[in-house]
Full PDB file with SEQRES, HELIX, SHEET, SSBOND, CRYST1, ORIGX, SCALE, CONECT and MASTER records, all heavy atoms in Angstrom:
SEQRES   1 A   36  ALA ALA PRO TYR LEU ASP ALA ILE SER GLY ALA VAL SER          
SEQRES   2 A   36  ALA TRP ALA ALA LEU PRO LYS PRO THR ILE ALA ALA MET          
SEQRES   3 A   36  ASN GLY SER ALA LEU GLY GLY GLY LEU GLU                      
HELIX    1 AA1 ALA A    2  ALA A   17  1                                  16    
HELIX    2 AA2 GLY A   32  GLY A   34  5                                   3    
CRYST1    1.000    1.000    1.000  90.00  90.00  90.00 P 1           1          
ORIGX1      1.000000  0.000000  0.000000        0.00000                         
ORIGX2      0.000000  1.000000  0.000000        0.00000                         
ORIGX3      0.000000  0.000000  1.000000        0.00000                         
SCALE1      1.000000  0.000000  0.000000        0.00000                         
SCALE2      0.000000  1.000000  0.000000        0.00000                         
SCALE3      0.000000  0.000000  1.000000        0.00000                         
ATOM      1  N   ALA A   1      -9.060 -15.509   6.535  1.00  0.00           N  
ATOM      2  CA  ALA A   1      -8.685 -14.419   5.635  1.00  0.00           C  
ATOM      3  C   ALA A   1      -8.165 -13.183   6.357  1.00  0.00           C  
ATOM      4  O   ALA A   1      -7.438 -12.380   5.767  1.00  0.00           O  
ATOM      5  CB  ALA A   1      -9.876 -14.029   4.765  1.00  0.00           C  
ATOM      6  N   ALA A   2      -8.524 -13.002   7.620  1.00  0.00           N  
ATOM      7  CA  ALA A   2      -8.175 -11.771   8.333  1.00  0.00           C  
ATOM      8  C   ALA A   2      -6.680 -11.454   8.330  1.00  0.00           C  
ATOM      9  O   ALA A   2      -6.297 -10.301   8.096  1.00  0.00           O  
ATOM     10  CB  ALA A   2      -8.702 -11.827   9.763  1.00  0.00           C  
ATOM     11  N   PRO A   3      -5.797 -12.424   8.571  1.00  0.00           N  
ATOM     12  CA  PRO A   3      -4.364 -12.087   8.571  1.00  0.00           C  
ATOM     13  C   PRO A   3      -3.862 -11.542   7.239  1.00  0.00           C  
ATOM     14  O   PRO A   3      -2.954 -10.713   7.206  1.00  0.00           O  
ATOM     15  CB  PRO A   3      -3.693 -13.428   8.907  1.00  0.00           C  
ATOM     16  CG  PRO A   3      -4.741 -14.206   9.639  1.00  0.00           C  
ATOM     17  CD  PRO A   3      -6.025 -13.818   8.986  1.00  0.00           C  
ATOM     18  N   TYR A   4      -4.459 -11.990   6.137  1.00  0.00           N  
ATOM     19  CA  TYR A   4      -4.029 -11.500   4.832  1.00  0.00           C  
ATOM     20  C   TYR A   4      -4.435 -10.037   4.640  1.00  0.00           C  
ATOM     21  O   TYR A   4      -3.651  -9.223   4.152  1.00  0.00           O  
ATOM     22  CB  TYR A   4      -4.631 -12.376   3.732  1.00  0.00           C  
ATOM     23  CG  TYR A   4      -4.067 -13.781   3.724  1.00  0.00           C  
ATOM     24  CD1 TYR A   4      -4.653 -14.793   4.473  1.00  0.00           C  
ATOM     25  CD2 TYR A   4      -2.929 -14.078   2.983  1.00  0.00           C  
ATOM     26  CE1 TYR A   4      -4.128 -16.075   4.481  1.00  0.00           C  
ATOM     27  CE2 TYR A   4      -2.399 -15.362   2.982  1.00  0.00           C  
ATOM     28  CZ  TYR A   4      -2.996 -16.352   3.734  1.00  0.00           C  
ATOM     29  OH  TYR A   4      -2.466 -17.615   3.739  1.00  0.00           O  
ATOM     30  N   LEU A   5      -5.668  -9.727   5.026  1.00  0.00           N  
ATOM     31  CA  LEU A   5      -6.118  -8.339   4.921  1.00  0.00           C  
ATOM     32  C   LEU A   5      -5.347  -7.446   5.882  1.00  0.00           C  
ATOM     33  O   LEU A   5      -4.954  -6.328   5.529  1.00  0.00           O  
ATOM     34  CB  LEU A   5      -7.613  -8.236   5.211  1.00  0.00           C  
ATOM     35  CG  LEU A   5      -8.208  -6.819   5.176  1.00  0.00           C  
ATOM     36  CD1 LEU A   5      -7.959  -6.163   3.818  1.00  0.00           C  
ATOM     37  CD2 LEU A   5      -9.691  -6.854   5.486  1.00  0.00           C  
ATOM     38  N   ASP A   6      -5.105  -7.943   7.091  1.00  0.00           N  
ATOM     39  CA  ASP A   6      -4.332  -7.167   8.059  1.00  0.00           C  
ATOM     40  C   ASP A   6      -2.939  -6.855   7.513  1.00  0.00           C  
ATOM     41  O   ASP A   6      -2.405  -5.761   7.747  1.00  0.00           O  
ATOM     42  CB  ASP A   6      -4.204  -7.927   9.377  1.00  0.00           C  
ATOM     43  CG  ASP A   6      -5.520  -8.026  10.133  1.00  0.00           C  
ATOM     44  OD1 ASP A   6      -6.444  -7.264   9.811  1.00  0.00           O  
ATOM     45  OD2 ASP A   6      -5.612  -8.875  11.043  1.00  0.00           O  
ATOM     46  N   ALA A   7      -2.351  -7.807   6.807  1.00  0.00           N  
ATOM     47  CA  ALA A   7      -1.008  -7.609   6.273  1.00  0.00           C  
ATOM     48  C   ALA A   7      -0.989  -6.497   5.240  1.00  0.00           C  
ATOM     49  O   ALA A   7      -0.124  -5.604   5.275  1.00  0.00           O  
ATOM     50  CB  ALA A   7      -0.494  -8.911   5.665  1.00  0.00           C  
ATOM     51  N   ILE A   8      -1.945  -6.524   4.307  1.00  0.00           N  
ATOM     52  CA  ILE A   8      -1.976  -5.502   3.262  1.00  0.00           C  
ATOM     53  C   ILE A   8      -2.338  -4.138   3.832  1.00  0.00           C  
ATOM     54  O   ILE A   8      -1.688  -3.130   3.544  1.00  0.00           O  
ATOM     55  CB  ILE A   8      -2.961  -5.889   2.148  1.00  0.00           C  
ATOM     56  CG1 ILE A   8      -2.460  -7.140   1.420  1.00  0.00           C  
ATOM     57  CG2 ILE A   8      -3.139  -4.747   1.159  1.00  0.00           C  
ATOM     58  CD1 ILE A   8      -3.379  -7.618   0.321  1.00  0.00           C  
ATOM     59  N   SER A   9      -3.390  -4.089   4.653  1.00  0.00           N  
ATOM     60  CA  SER A   9      -3.800  -2.795   5.208  1.00  0.00           C  
ATOM     61  C   SER A   9      -2.717  -2.221   6.110  1.00  0.00           C  
ATOM     62  O   SER A   9      -2.502  -0.998   6.140  1.00  0.00           O  
ATOM     63  CB  SER A   9      -5.120  -2.931   5.976  1.00  0.00           C  
ATOM     64  OG  SER A   9      -4.989  -3.829   7.068  1.00  0.00           O  
ATOM     65  N   GLY A  10      -2.000  -3.087   6.830  1.00  0.00           N  
ATOM     66  CA  GLY A  10      -0.912  -2.612   7.676  1.00  0.00           C  
ATOM     67  C   GLY A  10       0.223  -2.015   6.875  1.00  0.00           C  
ATOM     68  O   GLY A  10       0.785  -0.976   7.239  1.00  0.00           O  
ATOM     69  N   ALA A  11       0.553  -2.662   5.742  1.00  0.00           N  
ATOM     70  CA  ALA A  11       1.625  -2.148   4.891  1.00  0.00           C  
ATOM     71  C   ALA A  11       1.236  -0.810   4.281  1.00  0.00           C  
ATOM     72  O   ALA A  11       2.031   0.144   4.266  1.00  0.00           O  
ATOM     73  CB  ALA A  11       1.953  -3.164   3.802  1.00  0.00           C  
ATOM     74  N   VAL A  12       0.015  -0.713   3.776  1.00  0.00           N  
ATOM     75  CA  VAL A  12      -0.446   0.544   3.168  1.00  0.00           C  
ATOM     76  C   VAL A  12      -0.487   1.659   4.212  1.00  0.00           C  
ATOM     77  O   VAL A  12      -0.049   2.787   3.948  1.00  0.00           O  
ATOM     78  CB  VAL A  12      -1.825   0.354   2.520  1.00  0.00           C  
ATOM     79  CG1 VAL A  12      -2.385   1.689   2.045  1.00  0.00           C  
ATOM     80  CG2 VAL A  12      -1.732  -0.621   1.347  1.00  0.00           C  
ATOM     81  N   SER A  13      -0.991   1.350   5.381  1.00  0.00           N  
ATOM     82  CA  SER A  13      -1.055   2.360   6.443  1.00  0.00           C  
ATOM     83  C   SER A  13       0.336   2.838   6.843  1.00  0.00           C  
ATOM     84  O   SER A  13       0.544   4.027   7.123  1.00  0.00           O  
ATOM     85  CB  SER A  13      -1.792   1.805   7.661  1.00  0.00           C  
ATOM     86  OG  SER A  13      -3.144   1.567   7.374  1.00  0.00           O  
ATOM     87  N   ALA A  14       1.299   1.912   6.861  1.00  0.00           N  
ATOM     88  CA  ALA A  14       2.669   2.289   7.210  1.00  0.00           C  
ATOM     89  C   ALA A  14       3.251   3.249   6.181  1.00  0.00           C  
ATOM     90  O   ALA A  14       3.929   4.224   6.539  1.00  0.00           O  
ATOM     91  CB  ALA A  14       3.539   1.036   7.320  1.00  0.00           C  
ATOM     92  N   TRP A  15       2.955   3.012   4.904  1.00  0.00           N  
ATOM     93  CA  TRP A  15       3.452   3.915   3.866  1.00  0.00           C  
ATOM     94  C   TRP A  15       2.734   5.255   3.917  1.00  0.00           C  
ATOM     95  O   TRP A  15       3.346   6.300   3.710  1.00  0.00           O  
ATOM     96  CB  TRP A  15       3.307   3.270   2.490  1.00  0.00           C  
ATOM     97  CG  TRP A  15       4.453   2.344   2.241  1.00  0.00           C  
ATOM     98  CD1 TRP A  15       4.553   1.024   2.626  1.00  0.00           C  
ATOM     99  CD2 TRP A  15       5.708   2.673   1.644  1.00  0.00           C  
ATOM    100  NE1 TRP A  15       5.781   0.533   2.286  1.00  0.00           N  
ATOM    101  CE2 TRP A  15       6.512   1.507   1.681  1.00  0.00           C  
ATOM    102  CE3 TRP A  15       6.215   3.830   1.068  1.00  0.00           C  
ATOM    103  CZ2 TRP A  15       7.803   1.481   1.169  1.00  0.00           C  
ATOM    104  CZ3 TRP A  15       7.505   3.813   0.559  1.00  0.00           C  
ATOM    105  CH2 TRP A  15       8.286   2.645   0.609  1.00  0.00           C  
ATOM    106  N   ALA A  16       1.455   5.237   4.216  1.00  0.00           N  
ATOM    107  CA  ALA A  16       0.706   6.487   4.317  1.00  0.00           C  
ATOM    108  C   ALA A  16       1.199   7.328   5.493  1.00  0.00           C  
ATOM    109  O   ALA A  16       1.147   8.561   5.451  1.00  0.00           O  
ATOM    110  CB  ALA A  16      -0.783   6.202   4.457  1.00  0.00           C  
ATOM    111  N   ALA A  17       1.679   6.666   6.541  1.00  0.00           N  
ATOM    112  CA  ALA A  17       2.137   7.372   7.737  1.00  0.00           C  
ATOM    113  C   ALA A  17       3.600   7.787   7.657  1.00  0.00           C  
ATOM    114  O   ALA A  17       4.085   8.501   8.537  1.00  0.00           O  
ATOM    115  CB  ALA A  17       1.932   6.484   8.969  1.00  0.00           C  
ATOM    116  N   LEU A  18       4.308   7.356   6.626  1.00  0.00           N  
ATOM    117  CA  LEU A  18       5.723   7.681   6.499  1.00  0.00           C  
ATOM    118  C   LEU A  18       5.878   9.201   6.422  1.00  0.00           C  
ATOM    119  O   LEU A  18       5.261   9.840   5.573  1.00  0.00           O  
ATOM    120  CB  LEU A  18       6.280   7.024   5.232  1.00  0.00           C  
ATOM    121  CG  LEU A  18       7.758   6.660   5.201  1.00  0.00           C  
ATOM    122  CD1 LEU A  18       8.013   5.589   4.143  1.00  0.00           C  
ATOM    123  CD2 LEU A  18       8.633   7.862   4.941  1.00  0.00           C  
ATOM    124  N   PRO A  19       6.672   9.812   7.285  1.00  0.00           N  
ATOM    125  CA  PRO A  19       6.742  11.282   7.316  1.00  0.00           C  
ATOM    126  C   PRO A  19       7.489  11.897   6.145  1.00  0.00           C  
ATOM    127  O   PRO A  19       7.352  13.096   5.895  1.00  0.00           O  
ATOM    128  CB  PRO A  19       7.470  11.564   8.641  1.00  0.00           C  
ATOM    129  CG  PRO A  19       8.256  10.329   8.911  1.00  0.00           C  
ATOM    130  CD  PRO A  19       7.433   9.198   8.393  1.00  0.00           C  
ATOM    131  N   LYS A  20       8.270  11.113   5.431  1.00  0.00           N  
ATOM    132  CA  LYS A  20       8.999  11.624   4.271  1.00  0.00           C  
ATOM    133  C   LYS A  20       8.089  11.579   3.041  1.00  0.00           C  
ATOM    134  O   LYS A  20       7.192  10.743   2.943  1.00  0.00           O  
ATOM    135  CB  LYS A  20      10.245  10.764   4.010  1.00  0.00           C  
ATOM    136  CG  LYS A  20      11.090  10.478   5.233  1.00  0.00           C  
ATOM    137  CD  LYS A  20      11.639  11.736   5.868  1.00  0.00           C  
ATOM    138  CE  LYS A  20      12.371  11.445   7.173  1.00  0.00           C  
ATOM    139  NZ  LYS A  20      13.614  10.686   7.014  1.00  0.00           N  
ATOM    140  N   PRO A  21       8.282  12.469   2.062  1.00  0.00           N  
ATOM    141  CA  PRO A  21       7.457  12.438   0.859  1.00  0.00           C  
ATOM    142  C   PRO A  21       7.673  11.145   0.072  1.00  0.00           C  
ATOM    143  O   PRO A  21       8.806  10.677  -0.067  1.00  0.00           O  
ATOM    144  CB  PRO A  21       7.916  13.666   0.073  1.00  0.00           C  
ATOM    145  CG  PRO A  21       9.260  14.008   0.615  1.00  0.00           C  
ATOM    146  CD  PRO A  21       9.256  13.581   2.049  1.00  0.00           C  
ATOM    147  N   THR A  22       6.587  10.587  -0.423  1.00  0.00           N  
ATOM    148  CA  THR A  22       6.638   9.307  -1.129  1.00  0.00           C  
ATOM    149  C   THR A  22       6.043   9.451  -2.527  1.00  0.00           C  
ATOM    150  O   THR A  22       5.079  10.174  -2.737  1.00  0.00           O  
ATOM    151  CB  THR A  22       5.861   8.232  -0.352  1.00  0.00           C  
ATOM    152  OG1 THR A  22       4.536   8.720  -0.069  1.00  0.00           O  
ATOM    153  CG2 THR A  22       6.559   7.877   0.955  1.00  0.00           C  
ATOM    154  N   ILE A  23       6.631   8.712  -3.455  1.00  0.00           N  
ATOM    155  CA  ILE A  23       6.204   8.764  -4.851  1.00  0.00           C  
ATOM    156  C   ILE A  23       5.938   7.345  -5.328  1.00  0.00           C  
ATOM    157  O   ILE A  23       6.800   6.469  -5.207  1.00  0.00           O  
ATOM    158  CB  ILE A  23       7.296   9.391  -5.730  1.00  0.00           C  
ATOM    159  CG1 ILE A  23       7.629  10.811  -5.269  1.00  0.00           C  
ATOM    160  CG2 ILE A  23       6.885   9.377  -7.200  1.00  0.00           C  
ATOM    161  CD1 ILE A  23       8.910  11.359  -5.869  1.00  0.00           C  
ATOM    162  N   ALA A  24       4.759   7.107  -5.875  1.00  0.00           N  
ATOM    163  CA  ALA A  24       4.467   5.836  -6.530  1.00  0.00           C  
ATOM    164  C   ALA A  24       4.762   6.016  -8.007  1.00  0.00           C  
ATOM    165  O   ALA A  24       4.046   6.733  -8.708  1.00  0.00           O  
ATOM    166  CB  ALA A  24       3.010   5.433  -6.311  1.00  0.00           C  
ATOM    167  N   ALA A  25       5.844   5.402  -8.477  1.00  0.00           N  
ATOM    168  CA  ALA A  25       6.210   5.453  -9.894  1.00  0.00           C  
ATOM    169  C   ALA A  25       5.632   4.196 -10.531  1.00  0.00           C  
ATOM    170  O   ALA A  25       6.262   3.135 -10.532  1.00  0.00           O  
ATOM    171  CB  ALA A  25       7.724   5.515 -10.053  1.00  0.00           C  
ATOM    172  N   MET A  26       4.421   4.312 -11.053  1.00  0.00           N  
ATOM    173  CA  MET A  26       3.666   3.146 -11.503  1.00  0.00           C  
ATOM    174  C   MET A  26       4.068   2.775 -12.926  1.00  0.00           C  
ATOM    175  O   MET A  26       3.646   3.390 -13.899  1.00  0.00           O  
ATOM    176  CB  MET A  26       2.174   3.419 -11.363  1.00  0.00           C  
ATOM    177  CG  MET A  26       1.763   3.581  -9.901  1.00  0.00           C  
ATOM    178  SD  MET A  26      -0.019   3.700  -9.644  1.00  0.00           S  
ATOM    179  CE  MET A  26      -0.278   5.404 -10.101  1.00  0.00           C  
ATOM    180  N   ASN A  27       4.915   1.761 -12.995  1.00  0.00           N  
ATOM    181  CA  ASN A  27       5.478   1.286 -14.253  1.00  0.00           C  
ATOM    182  C   ASN A  27       4.506   0.429 -15.047  1.00  0.00           C  
ATOM    183  O   ASN A  27       4.813   0.003 -16.163  1.00  0.00           O  
ATOM    184  CB  ASN A  27       6.732   0.462 -13.977  1.00  0.00           C  
ATOM    185  CG  ASN A  27       6.424  -0.684 -13.014  1.00  0.00           C  
ATOM    186  OD1 ASN A  27       6.022  -0.433 -11.884  1.00  0.00           O  
ATOM    187  ND2 ASN A  27       6.620  -1.918 -13.444  1.00  0.00           N  
ATOM    188  N   GLY A  28       3.330   0.165 -14.484  1.00  0.00           N  
ATOM    189  CA  GLY A  28       2.310  -0.644 -15.141  1.00  0.00           C  
ATOM    190  C   GLY A  28       1.017  -0.541 -14.361  1.00  0.00           C  
ATOM    191  O   GLY A  28       0.835   0.366 -13.537  1.00  0.00           O  
ATOM    192  N   SER A  29       0.151  -1.485 -14.580  1.00  0.00           N  
ATOM    193  CA  SER A  29      -1.179  -1.433 -13.971  1.00  0.00           C  
ATOM    194  C   SER A  29      -1.133  -1.638 -12.468  1.00  0.00           C  
ATOM    195  O   SER A  29      -0.223  -2.276 -11.925  1.00  0.00           O  
ATOM    196  CB  SER A  29      -2.073  -2.493 -14.619  1.00  0.00           C  
ATOM    197  OG  SER A  29      -2.203  -2.244 -16.009  1.00  0.00           O  
ATOM    198  N   ALA A  30      -2.132  -1.094 -11.793  1.00  0.00           N  
ATOM    199  CA  ALA A  30      -2.257  -1.237 -10.342  1.00  0.00           C  
ATOM    200  C   ALA A  30      -3.717  -1.523 -10.025  1.00  0.00           C  
ATOM    201  O   ALA A  30      -4.599  -0.732 -10.362  1.00  0.00           O  
ATOM    202  CB  ALA A  30      -1.789   0.025  -9.622  1.00  0.00           C  
ATOM    203  N   LEU A  31      -3.965  -2.649  -9.385  1.00  0.00           N  
ATOM    204  CA  LEU A  31      -5.323  -3.058  -9.058  1.00  0.00           C  
ATOM    205  C   LEU A  31      -5.428  -3.398  -7.577  1.00  0.00           C  
ATOM    206  O   LEU A  31      -4.451  -3.811  -6.949  1.00  0.00           O  
ATOM    207  CB  LEU A  31      -5.724  -4.279  -9.888  1.00  0.00           C  
ATOM    208  CG  LEU A  31      -5.685  -4.114 -11.411  1.00  0.00           C  
ATOM    209  CD1 LEU A  31      -5.939  -5.454 -12.078  1.00  0.00           C  
ATOM    210  CD2 LEU A  31      -6.690  -3.074 -11.873  1.00  0.00           C  
ATOM    211  N   GLY A  32      -6.623  -3.232  -7.017  1.00  0.00           N  
ATOM    212  CA  GLY A  32      -6.871  -3.636  -5.641  1.00  0.00           C  
ATOM    213  C   GLY A  32      -5.855  -3.050  -4.684  1.00  0.00           C  
ATOM    214  O   GLY A  32      -5.615  -1.841  -4.644  1.00  0.00           O  
ATOM    215  N   GLY A  33      -5.235  -3.943  -3.903  1.00  0.00           N  
ATOM    216  CA  GLY A  33      -4.256  -3.499  -2.924  1.00  0.00           C  
ATOM    217  C   GLY A  33      -3.074  -2.778  -3.535  1.00  0.00           C  
ATOM    218  O   GLY A  33      -2.427  -1.958  -2.881  1.00  0.00           O  
ATOM    219  N   GLY A  34      -2.777  -3.059  -4.809  1.00  0.00           N  
ATOM    220  CA  GLY A  34      -1.696  -2.343  -5.476  1.00  0.00           C  
ATOM    221  C   GLY A  34      -2.021  -0.879  -5.666  1.00  0.00           C  
ATOM    222  O   GLY A  34      -1.180  -0.001  -5.462  1.00  0.00           O  
ATOM    223  N   LEU A  35      -3.264  -0.600  -6.052  1.00  0.00           N  
ATOM    224  CA  LEU A  35      -3.683   0.799  -6.181  1.00  0.00           C  
ATOM    225  C   LEU A  35      -3.797   1.434  -4.798  1.00  0.00           C  
ATOM    226  O   LEU A  35      -3.476   2.616  -4.626  1.00  0.00           O  
ATOM    227  CB  LEU A  35      -5.018   0.890  -6.917  1.00  0.00           C  
ATOM    228  CG  LEU A  35      -5.549   2.308  -7.152  1.00  0.00           C  
ATOM    229  CD1 LEU A  35      -4.522   3.175  -7.869  1.00  0.00           C  
ATOM    230  CD2 LEU A  35      -6.858   2.271  -7.936  1.00  0.00           C  
ATOM    231  N   GLU A  36      -4.232   0.666  -3.813  1.00  0.00           N  
ATOM    232  CA  GLU A  36      -4.317   1.215  -2.452  1.00  0.00           C  
ATOM    233  C   GLU A  36      -2.932   1.596  -1.932  1.00  0.00           C  
ATOM    234  O   GLU A  36      -2.785   2.595  -1.212  1.00  0.00           O  
ATOM    235  CB  GLU A  36      -5.003   0.209  -1.534  1.00  0.00           C  
ATOM    236  CG  GLU A  36      -6.497   0.089  -1.831  1.00  0.00           C  
ATOM    237  CD  GLU A  36      -7.188  -0.997  -1.035  1.00  0.00           C  
ATOM    238  OE1 GLU A  36      -6.702  -2.149  -1.063  1.00  0.00           O  
ATOM    239  OE2 GLU A  36      -8.216  -0.711  -0.402  1.00  0.00           O  
TER     240      GLU A  36                                                      
MASTER        0    0    0    2    0    0    0    6  239    1    0    3          
END                                                                             
């Protein structure tokens, strides 16, 4: 399971570290990794 968690956490961390302002335009529900 580790590679799957690493993939999601890595993607989220990359977006959190993006120096430009970011907007989540949530067109519907967000659960788990989607909300993260």
